C-alpha atoms as a PDB file:
ATOM      1  CA  MET A   1     108.858  21.130  62.790  1.00  0.00           C
ATOM      2  CA  LYS A   2     107.738  24.406  63.865  1.00  0.00           C
ATOM      3  CA  PRO A   3     109.526  24.018  67.764  1.00  0.00           C
ATOM      4  CA  LEU A   4     112.692  23.510  66.065  1.00  0.00           C
ATOM      5  CA  LEU A   5     112.692  26.306  64.148  1.00  0.00           C
ATOM      6  CA  ALA A   6     111.672  28.543  66.628  1.00  0.00           C
ATOM      7  CA  ARG A   7     114.365  27.071  69.161  1.00  0.00           C
ATOM      8  CA  SER A   8     117.255  28.011  66.647  1.00  0.00           C
ATOM      9  CA  ALA A   9     115.205  30.949  66.773  1.00  0.00           C
ATOM     10  CA  ARG A  10     115.646  31.977  70.058  1.00  0.00           C
ATOM     11  CA  ILE A  11     119.265  30.680  70.412  1.00  0.00           C
ATOM     12  CA  LEU A  12     120.573  32.474  67.102  1.00  0.00           C
ATOM     13  CA  VAL A  13     118.533  35.976  68.793  1.00  0.00           C
ATOM     14  CA  THR A  14     120.578  34.987  72.182  1.00  0.00           C
ATOM     15  CA  LEU A  15     123.402  35.312  70.149  1.00  0.00           C
ATOM     16  CA  ALA A  16     123.160  38.381  69.057  1.00  0.00           C
ATOM     17  CA  LEU A  17     122.107  40.435  71.248  1.00  0.00           C
ATOM     18  CA  VAL A  18     125.540  38.515  73.472  1.00  0.00           C
ATOM     19  CA  CYS A  19     127.595  39.622  69.931  1.00  0.00           C
ATOM     20  CA  ILE A  20     125.180  43.178  71.071  1.00  0.00           C
ATOM     21  CA  ALA A  21     126.859  43.304  74.739  1.00  0.00           C
ATOM     22  CA  VAL A  22     130.081  42.076  74.640  1.00  0.00           C
ATOM     23  CA  ALA A  23     130.286  44.538  71.791  1.00  0.00           C
ATOM     24  CA  ILE A  24     128.928  47.589  73.431  1.00  0.00           C
ATOM     25  CA  GLY A  25     130.732  46.627  77.160  1.00  0.00           C
ATOM     26  CA  VAL A  26     134.719  46.522  74.228  1.00  0.00           C
ATOM     27  CA  GLN A  27     133.655  49.856  73.411  1.00  0.00           C
ATOM     28  CA  LEU A  28     132.439  51.167  76.810  1.00  0.00           C
ATOM     29  CA  TRP A  29     135.504  50.043  78.299  1.00  0.00           C
ATOM     30  CA  ARG A  30     138.109  51.435  75.652  1.00  0.00           C
ATOM     31  CA  TYR A  31     135.469  54.849  75.956  1.00  0.00           C
ATOM     32  CA  TYR A  32     135.859  54.663  79.493  1.00  0.00           C
ATOM     33  CA  MET A  33     139.829  53.071  80.692  1.00  0.00           C
ATOM     34  CA  GLN A  34     141.698  54.041  77.482  1.00  0.00           C
ATOM     35  CA  SER A  35     140.312  57.005  75.842  1.00  0.00           C
ATOM     36  CA  PRO A  36     141.695  59.951  75.957  1.00  0.00           C
ATOM     37  CA  TRP A  37     139.503  62.036  77.335  1.00  0.00           C
ATOM     38  CA  THR A  38     138.277  63.749  81.411  1.00  0.00           C
ATOM     39  CA  ARG A  39     136.084  65.555  82.892  1.00  0.00           C
ATOM     40  CA  ASP A  40     138.699  66.647  85.336  1.00  0.00           C
ATOM     41  CA  GLY A  41     139.488  69.462  84.469  1.00  0.00           C
ATOM     42  CA  ARG A  42     139.742  72.997  85.207  1.00  0.00           C
ATOM     43  CA  VAL A  43     140.333  77.021  83.966  1.00  0.00           C
ATOM     44  CA  ARG A  44     143.838  77.850  84.475  1.00  0.00           C
ATOM     45  CA  ALA A  45     145.667  81.961  85.142  1.00  0.00           C
ATOM     46  CA  ASP A  46     148.994  83.018  86.397  1.00  0.00           C
ATOM     47  CA  ILE A  47     148.342  85.107  89.130  1.00  0.00           C
ATOM     48  CA  ILE A  48     150.346  88.294  88.506  1.00  0.00           C
ATOM     49  CA  GLY A  49     150.366  90.433  92.825  1.00  0.00           C
ATOM     50  CA  ILE A  50     151.068  93.677  92.013  1.00  0.00           C
ATOM     51  CA  ALA A  51     152.920  94.704  94.999  1.00  0.00           C
ATOM     52  CA  PRO A  52     154.702  97.983  95.315  1.00  0.00           C
ATOM     53  CA  ASP A  53     157.849  99.827  94.282  1.00  0.00           C
ATOM     54  CA  VAL A  54     158.442 101.982  97.596  1.00  0.00           C
ATOM     55  CA  PRO A  55     156.265 102.252 100.781  1.00  0.00           C
ATOM     56  CA  GLY A  56     154.032 104.762 101.460  1.00  0.00           C
ATOM     57  CA  PHE A  57     150.521 106.057 101.644  1.00  0.00           C
ATOM     58  CA  VAL A  58     147.883 105.930  98.954  1.00  0.00           C
ATOM     59  CA  SER A  59     146.731 108.481  97.240  1.00  0.00           C
ATOM     60  CA  GLU A  60     144.076 107.074  94.555  1.00  0.00           C
ATOM     61  CA  VAL A  61     142.885 104.194  93.559  1.00  0.00           C
ATOM     62  CA  LEU A  62     142.615 104.802  89.409  1.00  0.00           C
ATOM     63  CA  ILE A  63     140.598 100.959  89.316  1.00  0.00           C
ATOM     64  CA  GLN A  64     137.728  98.652  90.861  1.00  0.00           C
ATOM     65  CA  ASP A  65     137.187  95.463  91.128  1.00  0.00           C
ATOM     66  CA  ASN A  66     136.739  92.717  88.074  1.00  0.00           C
ATOM     67  CA  ALA A  67     138.120  95.271  85.716  1.00  0.00           C
ATOM     68  CA  THR A  68     140.032  94.905  82.909  1.00  0.00           C
ATOM     69  CA  VAL A  69     143.107  96.703  82.781  1.00  0.00           C
ATOM     70  CA  HIS A  70     146.104  97.235  80.038  1.00  0.00           C
ATOM     71  CA  LYS A  71     150.114  96.684  80.526  1.00  0.00           C
ATOM     72  CA  GLY A  72     151.111  99.930  81.385  1.00  0.00           C
ATOM     73  CA  GLN A  73     148.243 101.835  82.449  1.00  0.00           C
ATOM     74  CA  PRO A  74     148.105 102.400  86.140  1.00  0.00           C
ATOM     75  CA  LEU A  75     146.598 100.790  88.778  1.00  0.00           C
ATOM     76  CA  PHE A  76     147.323 103.329  91.914  1.00  0.00           C
ATOM     77  CA  ARG A  77     148.799 106.416  93.611  1.00  0.00           C
ATOM     78  CA  LEU A  78     151.181 106.738  96.454  1.00  0.00           C
ATOM     79  CA  ASP A  79     152.126 109.498  98.489  1.00  0.00           C
ATOM     80  CA  ARG A  80     154.465 112.031  96.640  1.00  0.00           C
ATOM     81  CA  ALA A  81     155.221 114.234  98.666  1.00  0.00           C
ATOM     82  CA  ARG A  82     158.163 112.102 100.121  1.00  0.00           C
ATOM     83  CA  PHE A  83     159.818 111.212  96.763  1.00  0.00           C
ATOM     84  CA  THR A  84     159.026 114.979  95.397  1.00  0.00           C
ATOM     85  CA  LEU A  85     161.042 115.270  98.704  1.00  0.00           C
ATOM     86  CA  ALA A  86     164.198 113.285  98.906  1.00  0.00           C
ATOM     87  CA  LEU A  87     164.424 113.936  94.800  1.00  0.00           C
ATOM     88  CA  GLU A  88     165.548 118.445  95.938  1.00  0.00           C
ATOM     89  CA  GLN A  89     167.815 116.690  98.135  1.00  0.00           C
ATOM     90  CA  ALA A  90     168.749 114.567  95.765  1.00  0.00           C
ATOM     91  CA  GLU A  91     169.198 117.622  93.428  1.00  0.00           C
ATOM     92  CA  ALA A  92     171.105 119.931  95.616  1.00  0.00           C
ATOM     93  CA  VAL A  93     173.527 116.721  96.480  1.00  0.00           C
ATOM     94  CA  VAL A  94     174.921 116.638  92.742  1.00  0.00           C
ATOM     95  CA  ALA A  95     175.003 120.103  92.854  1.00  0.00           C
ATOM     96  CA  SER A  96     177.035 120.401  95.910  1.00  0.00           C
ATOM     97  CA  ARG A  97     179.509 117.727  94.937  1.00  0.00           C
ATOM     98  CA  ALA A  98     179.771 119.385  91.497  1.00  0.00           C
ATOM     99  CA  ALA A  99     180.771 122.424  92.622  1.00  0.00           C
ATOM    100  CA  THR A 100     183.336 120.621  95.437  1.00  0.00           C
ATOM    101  CA  LEU A 101     184.730 118.403  92.111  1.00  0.00           C
ATOM    102  CA  GLU A 102     185.067 121.755  90.145  1.00  0.00           C
ATOM    103  CA  ARG A 103     187.695 123.221  93.117  1.00  0.00           C
ATOM    104  CA  ALA A 104     189.092 120.268  92.917  1.00  0.00           C
ATOM    105  CA  ARG A 105     189.921 119.660  90.030  1.00  0.00           C
ATOM    106  CA  ARG A 106     191.252 123.380  89.454  1.00  0.00           C
ATOM    107  CA  ASP A 107     193.353 122.807  92.367  1.00  0.00           C
ATOM    108  CA  GLU A 108     195.394 119.818  90.328  1.00  0.00           C
ATOM    109  CA  ARG A 109     195.726 121.238  87.485  1.00  0.00           C
ATOM    110  CA  ARG A 110     197.402 124.338  89.809  1.00  0.00           C
ATOM    111  CA  TYR A 111     199.909 122.587  90.955  1.00  0.00           C
ATOM    112  CA  ASP A 112     200.449 120.226  88.007  1.00  0.00           C
ATOM    113  CA  ARG A 113     201.393 123.493  86.524  1.00  0.00           C
ATOM    114  CA  LEU A 114     203.774 123.909  89.281  1.00  0.00           C
ATOM    115  CA  GLN A 115     208.264 123.242  88.543  1.00  0.00           C
ATOM    116  CA  ASP A 116     209.139 120.926  90.989  1.00  0.00           C
ATOM    117  CA  GLY A 117     210.772 121.910  94.032  1.00  0.00           C
ATOM    118  CA  VAL A 118     207.732 124.787  94.127  1.00  0.00           C
ATOM    119  CA  VAL A 119     205.572 122.090  95.591  1.00  0.00           C
ATOM    120  CA  SER A 120     206.069 118.966  97.139  1.00  0.00           C
ATOM    121  CA  VAL A 121     205.354 115.471  95.010  1.00  0.00           C
ATOM    122  CA  GLN A 122     203.440 114.994  97.903  1.00  0.00           C
ATOM    123  CA  ARG A 123     201.246 117.389  97.535  1.00  0.00           C
ATOM    124  CA  GLN A 124     200.702 117.024  94.275  1.00  0.00           C
ATOM    125  CA  ASP A 125     199.316 113.458  95.060  1.00  0.00           C
ATOM    126  CA  GLN A 126     197.841 114.581  96.827  1.00  0.00           C
ATOM    127  CA  ALA A 127     195.786 116.868  94.872  1.00  0.00           C
ATOM    128  CA  HIS A 128     194.992 113.762  92.297  1.00  0.00           C
ATOM    129  CA  SER A 129     193.680 113.073  94.752  1.00  0.00           C
ATOM    130  CA  ASP A 130     191.108 114.872  96.420  1.00  0.00           C
ATOM    131  CA  ALA A 131     190.471 115.361  93.210  1.00  0.00           C
ATOM    132  CA  ALA A 132     189.413 111.887  92.557  1.00  0.00           C
ATOM    133  CA  ALA A 133     187.684 111.629  95.608  1.00  0.00           C
ATOM    134  CA  ALA A 134     185.823 114.342  94.306  1.00  0.00           C
ATOM    135  CA  GLU A 135     185.366 112.873  90.983  1.00  0.00           C
ATOM    136  CA  GLY A 136     183.508 109.627  93.669  1.00  0.00           C
ATOM    137  CA  SER A 137     181.133 111.319  95.677  1.00  0.00           C
ATOM    138  CA  TRP A 138     179.640 113.629  93.089  1.00  0.00           C
ATOM    139  CA  GLN A 139     179.228 110.356  91.029  1.00  0.00           C
ATOM    140  CA  GLU A 140     177.510 108.326  94.219  1.00  0.00           C
ATOM    141  CA  ALA A 141     175.563 112.038  94.048  1.00  0.00           C
ATOM    142  CA  ILE A 142     174.579 110.861  90.783  1.00  0.00           C
ATOM    143  CA  ALA A 143     173.539 107.233  91.268  1.00  0.00           C
ATOM    144  CA  GLN A 144     171.282 108.944  95.009  1.00  0.00           C
ATOM    145  CA  ARG A 145     169.482 111.180  92.576  1.00  0.00           C
ATOM    146  CA  ASP A 146     168.227 108.631  89.940  1.00  0.00           C
ATOM    147  CA  ILE A 147     167.100 106.563  93.386  1.00  0.00           C
ATOM    148  CA  ALA A 148     165.675 109.061  94.147  1.00  0.00           C
ATOM    149  CA  LYS A 149     164.158 110.222  90.689  1.00  0.00           C
ATOM    150  CA  LEU A 150     162.739 106.249  90.291  1.00  0.00           C
ATOM    151  CA  ASN A 151     161.363 106.081  93.582  1.00  0.00           C
ATOM    152  CA  LEU A 152     158.810 109.440  92.680  1.00  0.00           C
ATOM    153  CA  GLU A 153     158.411 107.190  89.077  1.00  0.00           C
ATOM    154  CA  ARG A 154     157.280 103.928  91.100  1.00  0.00           C
ATOM    155  CA  SER A 155     155.098 105.527  93.315  1.00  0.00           C
ATOM    156  CA  GLU A 156     153.043 105.250  89.928  1.00  0.00           C
ATOM    157  CA  ILE A 157     152.207 101.588  90.730  1.00  0.00           C
ATOM    158  CA  LEU A 158     151.398 100.053  86.494  1.00  0.00           C
ATOM    159  CA  ALA A 159     149.933  97.112  85.087  1.00  0.00           C
ATOM    160  CA  PRO A 160     153.404  94.657  84.353  1.00  0.00           C
ATOM    161  CA  ALA A 161     150.449  93.075  82.177  1.00  0.00           C
ATOM    162  CA  ASP A 162     146.739  92.606  80.536  1.00  0.00           C
ATOM    163  CA  GLY A 163     144.392  90.664  82.606  1.00  0.00           C
ATOM    164  CA  THR A 164     141.696  91.684  85.060  1.00  0.00           C
ATOM    165  CA  ILE A 165     141.677  92.764  88.464  1.00  0.00           C
ATOM    166  CA  THR A 166     140.811  90.883  90.417  1.00  0.00           C
ATOM    167  CA  ASN A 167     139.603  91.180  94.683  1.00  0.00           C
ATOM    168  CA  LEU A 168     140.389  94.490  95.141  1.00  0.00           C
ATOM    169  CA  THR A 169     140.159  95.538  98.213  1.00  0.00           C
ATOM    170  CA  LEU A 170     142.472  98.492  98.608  1.00  0.00           C
ATOM    171  CA  ARG A 171     141.057 101.718  99.047  1.00  0.00           C
ATOM    172  CA  PRO A 172     142.755 105.557  99.412  1.00  0.00           C
ATOM    173  CA  GLY A 173     145.233 106.331 102.839  1.00  0.00           C
ATOM    174  CA  ALA A 174     145.901 102.807 102.950  1.00  0.00           C
ATOM    175  CA  TYR A 175     149.556 101.865 104.197  1.00  0.00           C
ATOM    176  CA  VAL A 176     151.696  99.773 102.120  1.00  0.00           C
ATOM    177  CA  SER A 177     155.003  97.628 102.033  1.00  0.00           C
ATOM    178  CA  ALA A 178     157.776  97.673  99.107  1.00  0.00           C
ATOM    179  CA  GLY A 179     157.111  94.154  97.939  1.00  0.00           C
ATOM    180  CA  THR A 180     153.406  92.784 100.073  1.00  0.00           C
ATOM    181  CA  ALA A 181     150.933  92.280  97.244  1.00  0.00           C
ATOM    182  CA  VAL A 182     147.986  94.748  97.596  1.00  0.00           C
ATOM    183  CA  MET A 183     146.363  93.556  94.353  1.00  0.00           C
ATOM    184  CA  ALA A 184     145.513  89.849  92.173  1.00  0.00           C
ATOM    185  CA  LEU A 185     145.921  90.719  88.222  1.00  0.00           C
ATOM    186  CA  VAL A 186     145.128  87.524  86.081  1.00  0.00           C
ATOM    187  CA  ASP A 187     147.153  87.717  82.968  1.00  0.00           C
ATOM    188  CA  ALA A 188     145.604  87.232  79.995  1.00  0.00           C
ATOM    189  CA  ALA A 189     147.491  85.749  77.875  1.00  0.00           C
ATOM    190  CA  SER A 190     148.430  82.365  80.249  1.00  0.00           C
ATOM    191  CA  LEU A 191     144.683  81.345  79.749  1.00  0.00           C
ATOM    192  CA  HIS A 192     144.636  77.828  79.490  1.00  0.00           C
ATOM    193  CA  VAL A 193     142.689  74.568  80.732  1.00  0.00           C
ATOM    194  CA  GLN A 194     144.459  72.013  82.656  1.00  0.00           C
ATOM    195  CA  GLY A 195     143.295  68.464  82.033  1.00  0.00           C
ATOM    196  CA  TYR A 196     143.390  66.385  84.603  1.00  0.00           C
ATOM    197  CA  PHE A 197     143.961  62.035  82.451  1.00  0.00           C
ATOM    198  CA  GLU A 198     144.871  58.706  84.499  1.00  0.00           C
ATOM    199  CA  GLU A 199     148.478  57.851  83.215  1.00  0.00           C
ATOM    200  CA  THR A 200     146.663  54.870  81.673  1.00  0.00           C
ATOM    201  CA  LYS A 201     145.802  56.955  78.960  1.00  0.00           C
ATOM    202  CA  LEU A 202     149.100  59.625  78.833  1.00  0.00           C
ATOM    203  CA  HIS A 203     150.561  57.069  76.034  1.00  0.00           C
ATOM    204  CA  ARG A 204     148.298  58.047  73.568  1.00  0.00           C
ATOM    205  CA  ILE A 205     148.474  61.834  73.747  1.00  0.00           C
ATOM    206  CA  ARG A 206     151.361  63.501  73.275  1.00  0.00           C
ATOM    207  CA  PRO A 207     152.138  67.524  72.087  1.00  0.00           C
ATOM    208  CA  GLY A 208     150.350  68.653  69.327  1.00  0.00           C
ATOM    209  CA  ASP A 209     147.309  66.945  70.249  1.00  0.00           C
ATOM    210  CA  PRO A 210     144.209  68.792  69.067  1.00  0.00           C
ATOM    211  CA  ALA A 211     141.724  68.128  72.295  1.00  0.00           C
ATOM    212  CA  GLN A 212     138.347  68.684  72.252  1.00  0.00           C
ATOM    213  CA  VAL A 213     137.267  71.609  75.786  1.00  0.00           C
ATOM    214  CA  THR A 214     133.351  71.978  77.094  1.00  0.00           C
ATOM    215  CA  LEU A 215     132.794  74.829  79.567  1.00  0.00           C
ATOM    216  CA  MET A 216     130.201  73.118  82.017  1.00  0.00           C
ATOM    217  CA  GLY A 217     128.478  76.341  82.111  1.00  0.00           C
ATOM    218  CA  LEU A 218     128.869  76.238  78.642  1.00  0.00           C
ATOM    219  CA  PRO A 219     128.486  73.225  77.599  1.00  0.00           C
ATOM    220  CA  GLY A 220     127.360  73.505  73.684  1.00  0.00           C
ATOM    221  CA  THR A 221     130.026  75.761  72.977  1.00  0.00           C
ATOM    222  CA  PRO A 222     132.837  73.097  72.821  1.00  0.00           C
ATOM    223  CA  LEU A 223     136.103  75.228  72.289  1.00  0.00           C
ATOM    224  CA  SER A 224     139.370  74.159  70.681  1.00  0.00           C
ATOM    225  CA  GLY A 225     142.564  73.465  71.332  1.00  0.00           C
ATOM    226  CA  ARG A 226     145.960  71.796  71.269  1.00  0.00           C
ATOM    227  CA  VAL A 227     148.045  69.753  74.085  1.00  0.00           C
ATOM    228  CA  GLU A 228     150.649  71.829  75.334  1.00  0.00           C
ATOM    229  CA  SER A 229     152.945  69.962  77.497  1.00  0.00           C
ATOM    230  CA  ILE A 230     152.561  67.447  79.841  1.00  0.00           C
ATOM    231  CA  ALA A 231     153.301  67.535  83.776  1.00  0.00           C
ATOM    232  CA  GLY A 232     156.689  66.349  84.200  1.00  0.00           C
ATOM    233  CA  GLY A 233     156.279  64.937  88.093  1.00  0.00           C
ATOM    234  CA  ILE A 234     153.053  64.679  90.572  1.00  0.00           C
ATOM    235  CA  ALA A 235     154.037  64.918  94.253  1.00  0.00           C
ATOM    236  CA  ASP A 236     154.580  61.385  95.746  1.00  0.00           C
ATOM    237  CA  ARG A 237     152.358  61.127  99.040  1.00  0.00           C
ATOM    238  CA  GLU A 238     154.492  58.617 100.498  1.00  0.00           C
ATOM    239  CA  LEU A 239     158.158  60.023 100.246  1.00  0.00           C
ATOM    240  CA  THR A 240     158.805  61.187 103.413  1.00  0.00           C
ATOM    241  CA  THR A 241     161.984  63.253 105.253  1.00  0.00           C
ATOM    242  CA  GLY A 242     162.695  61.388 108.314  1.00  0.00           C
ATOM    243  CA  LEU A 243     165.292  58.497 107.815  1.00  0.00           C
ATOM    244  CA  VAL A 244     163.233  55.170 106.419  1.00  0.00           C
ATOM    245  CA  ALA A 245     159.903  55.476 104.820  1.00  0.00           C
ATOM    246  CA  ASN A 246     156.893  55.975 105.632  1.00  0.00           C
ATOM    247  CA  VAL A 247     154.036  53.787 103.070  1.00  0.00           C
ATOM    248  CA  THR A 248     150.089  52.947 104.426  1.00  0.00           C
ATOM    249  CA  PRO A 249     149.235  49.297 103.702  1.00  0.00           C
ATOM    250  CA  THR A 250     146.727  49.269 100.195  1.00  0.00           C
ATOM    251  CA  PHE A 251     144.917  46.627  99.543  1.00  0.00           C
ATOM    252  CA  SER A 252     146.698  44.431  95.777  1.00  0.00           C
ATOM    253  CA  TRP A 253     143.718  44.500  94.218  1.00  0.00           C
ATOM    254  CA  VAL A 254     142.668  47.923  94.074  1.00  0.00           C
ATOM    255  CA  ARG A 255     145.372  50.691  92.387  1.00  0.00           C
ATOM    256  CA  LEU A 256     143.643  53.714  91.528  1.00  0.00           C
ATOM    257  CA  ALA A 257     145.685  55.583  88.263  1.00  0.00           C
ATOM    258  CA  GLN A 258     147.047  58.423  90.073  1.00  0.00           C
ATOM    259  CA  ARG A 259     145.727  61.526  87.776  1.00  0.00           C
ATOM    260  CA  VAL A 260     148.547  63.418  85.676  1.00  0.00           C
ATOM    261  CA  PRO A 261     148.308  66.759  84.420  1.00  0.00           C
ATOM    262  CA  VAL A 262     147.614  67.354  80.879  1.00  0.00           C
ATOM    263  CA  ARG A 263     148.472  71.104  79.874  1.00  0.00           C
ATOM    264  CA  ILE A 264     145.760  72.716  77.335  1.00  0.00           C
ATOM    265  CA  ARG A 265     146.700  75.569  74.408  1.00  0.00           C
ATOM    266  CA  LEU A 266     143.695  77.248  73.636  1.00  0.00           C
ATOM    267  CA  ASP A 267     143.067  78.828  70.397  1.00  0.00           C
ATOM    268  CA  ALA A 268     141.074  81.613  69.931  1.00  0.00           C
ATOM    269  CA  LEU A 269     137.628  81.916  71.617  1.00  0.00           C
ATOM    270  CA  PRO A 270     134.083  82.300  70.343  1.00  0.00           C
ATOM    271  CA  GLU A 271     132.539  85.810  69.778  1.00  0.00           C
ATOM    272  CA  GLY A 272     131.052  85.890  73.944  1.00  0.00           C
ATOM    273  CA  VAL A 273     133.188  82.999  75.964  1.00  0.00           C
ATOM    274  CA  ARG A 274     135.031  84.605  79.300  1.00  0.00           C
ATOM    275  CA  LEU A 275     137.335  82.286  80.610  1.00  0.00           C
ATOM    276  CA  ILE A 276     137.172  82.556  84.993  1.00  0.00           C
ATOM    277  CA  PRO A 277     140.042  80.199  86.247  1.00  0.00           C
ATOM    278  CA  GLY A 278     138.583  78.326  88.078  1.00  0.00           C
ATOM    279  CA  GLN A 279     135.911  77.264  85.827  1.00  0.00           C
ATOM    280  CA  THR A 280     135.465  73.065  85.876  1.00  0.00           C
ATOM    281  CA  ALA A 281     136.142  71.747  81.759  1.00  0.00           C
ATOM    282  CA  THR A 282     136.012  68.555  80.602  1.00  0.00           C
ATOM    283  CA  VAL A 283     138.705  67.801  77.734  1.00  0.00           C
ATOM    284  CA  VAL A 284     138.470  65.172  75.351  1.00  0.00           C
ATOM    285  CA  VAL A 285     142.584  64.817  73.831  1.00  0.00           C
ATOM    286  CA  MET A 286     141.986  63.253  69.386  1.00  0.00           C
ATOM    287  CA  PRO A 287     145.000  61.619  68.572  1.00  0.00           C
ATOM    288  CA  GLY A 288     145.151  61.940  65.127  1.00  0.00           C
ATOM    289  CA  GLY A 289     141.654  64.725  65.315  1.00  0.00           C
ATOM    290  CA  VAL A 290     139.203  61.234  65.995  1.00  0.00           C
ATOM    291  CA  ALA A 291     137.400  62.042  68.616  1.00  0.00           C
ATOM    292  CA  PRO A 292     136.743  59.094  71.092  1.00  0.00           C
ATOM    293  CA  SER A 293     133.408  57.213  69.810  1.00  0.00           C
ATOM    294  CA  LEU A 294     131.024  57.691  72.172  1.00  0.00           C
ATOM    295  CA  LEU A 295     131.547  61.986  72.326  1.00  0.00           C
ATOM    296  CA  ARG A 296     131.217  61.817  68.823  1.00  0.00           C
ATOM    297  CA  PRO A 297     128.363  64.026  67.483  1.00  0.00           C
END
């Protein structure tokens, strides 16, 4: 009797262990293969290249590397002497063209008052043409003056957005060209997290789903956010520009899931937390507000 009971107990214990192992295996499979989470996350932000609109020598650099700046704050100034002289020259041209226009209009009015026969119609038409040409030249001079004024204003380069200046190497005396970026500004309003999810998990992710982000440097401070969007496409490595396709041989039983970027918009950050583009993070998407079971506290 006792050996039968012992054997039955061993069988029941074995069956119980097998059931527990199967349950754990199923849970691990769902967690690793289906749950929408990834350790492949990155903090991202838009990087604005600060470039002057006019060329010139740098006279002052008004900020330091890694400084926090606000929209409209002066960053650096170019030498203004050439732009000031150009504006004075343009204003002198405007004054000269204005005098020419006034003289042409006086001639036009004088010829218009003369009776037919005293002056030819051709001469009257010429007076009208001279006045119109003088007015066009005057308006052109005004436009050139406004451009000179704009160039003078833009010799002081302002921050286009709130953010942080990084990798600053610009120094006074350097010559900068128009349209060439000389420093980088990290746009603070564009900070977000990009999670690279396997394509097998995308069916459980929807825009608006709550998400939890844990930075590698702050393991005990999870950040909350929401799924903002899912990438519309990723690069096809097999796509070529040749006449025929160049397909890399693969093993039919080895298929690696592609990773698709998912953009996470973060909520208000806790006090003292600073995001730096490039930081790594773990991203957990919670469909219905529920986290995967193995990640629940």
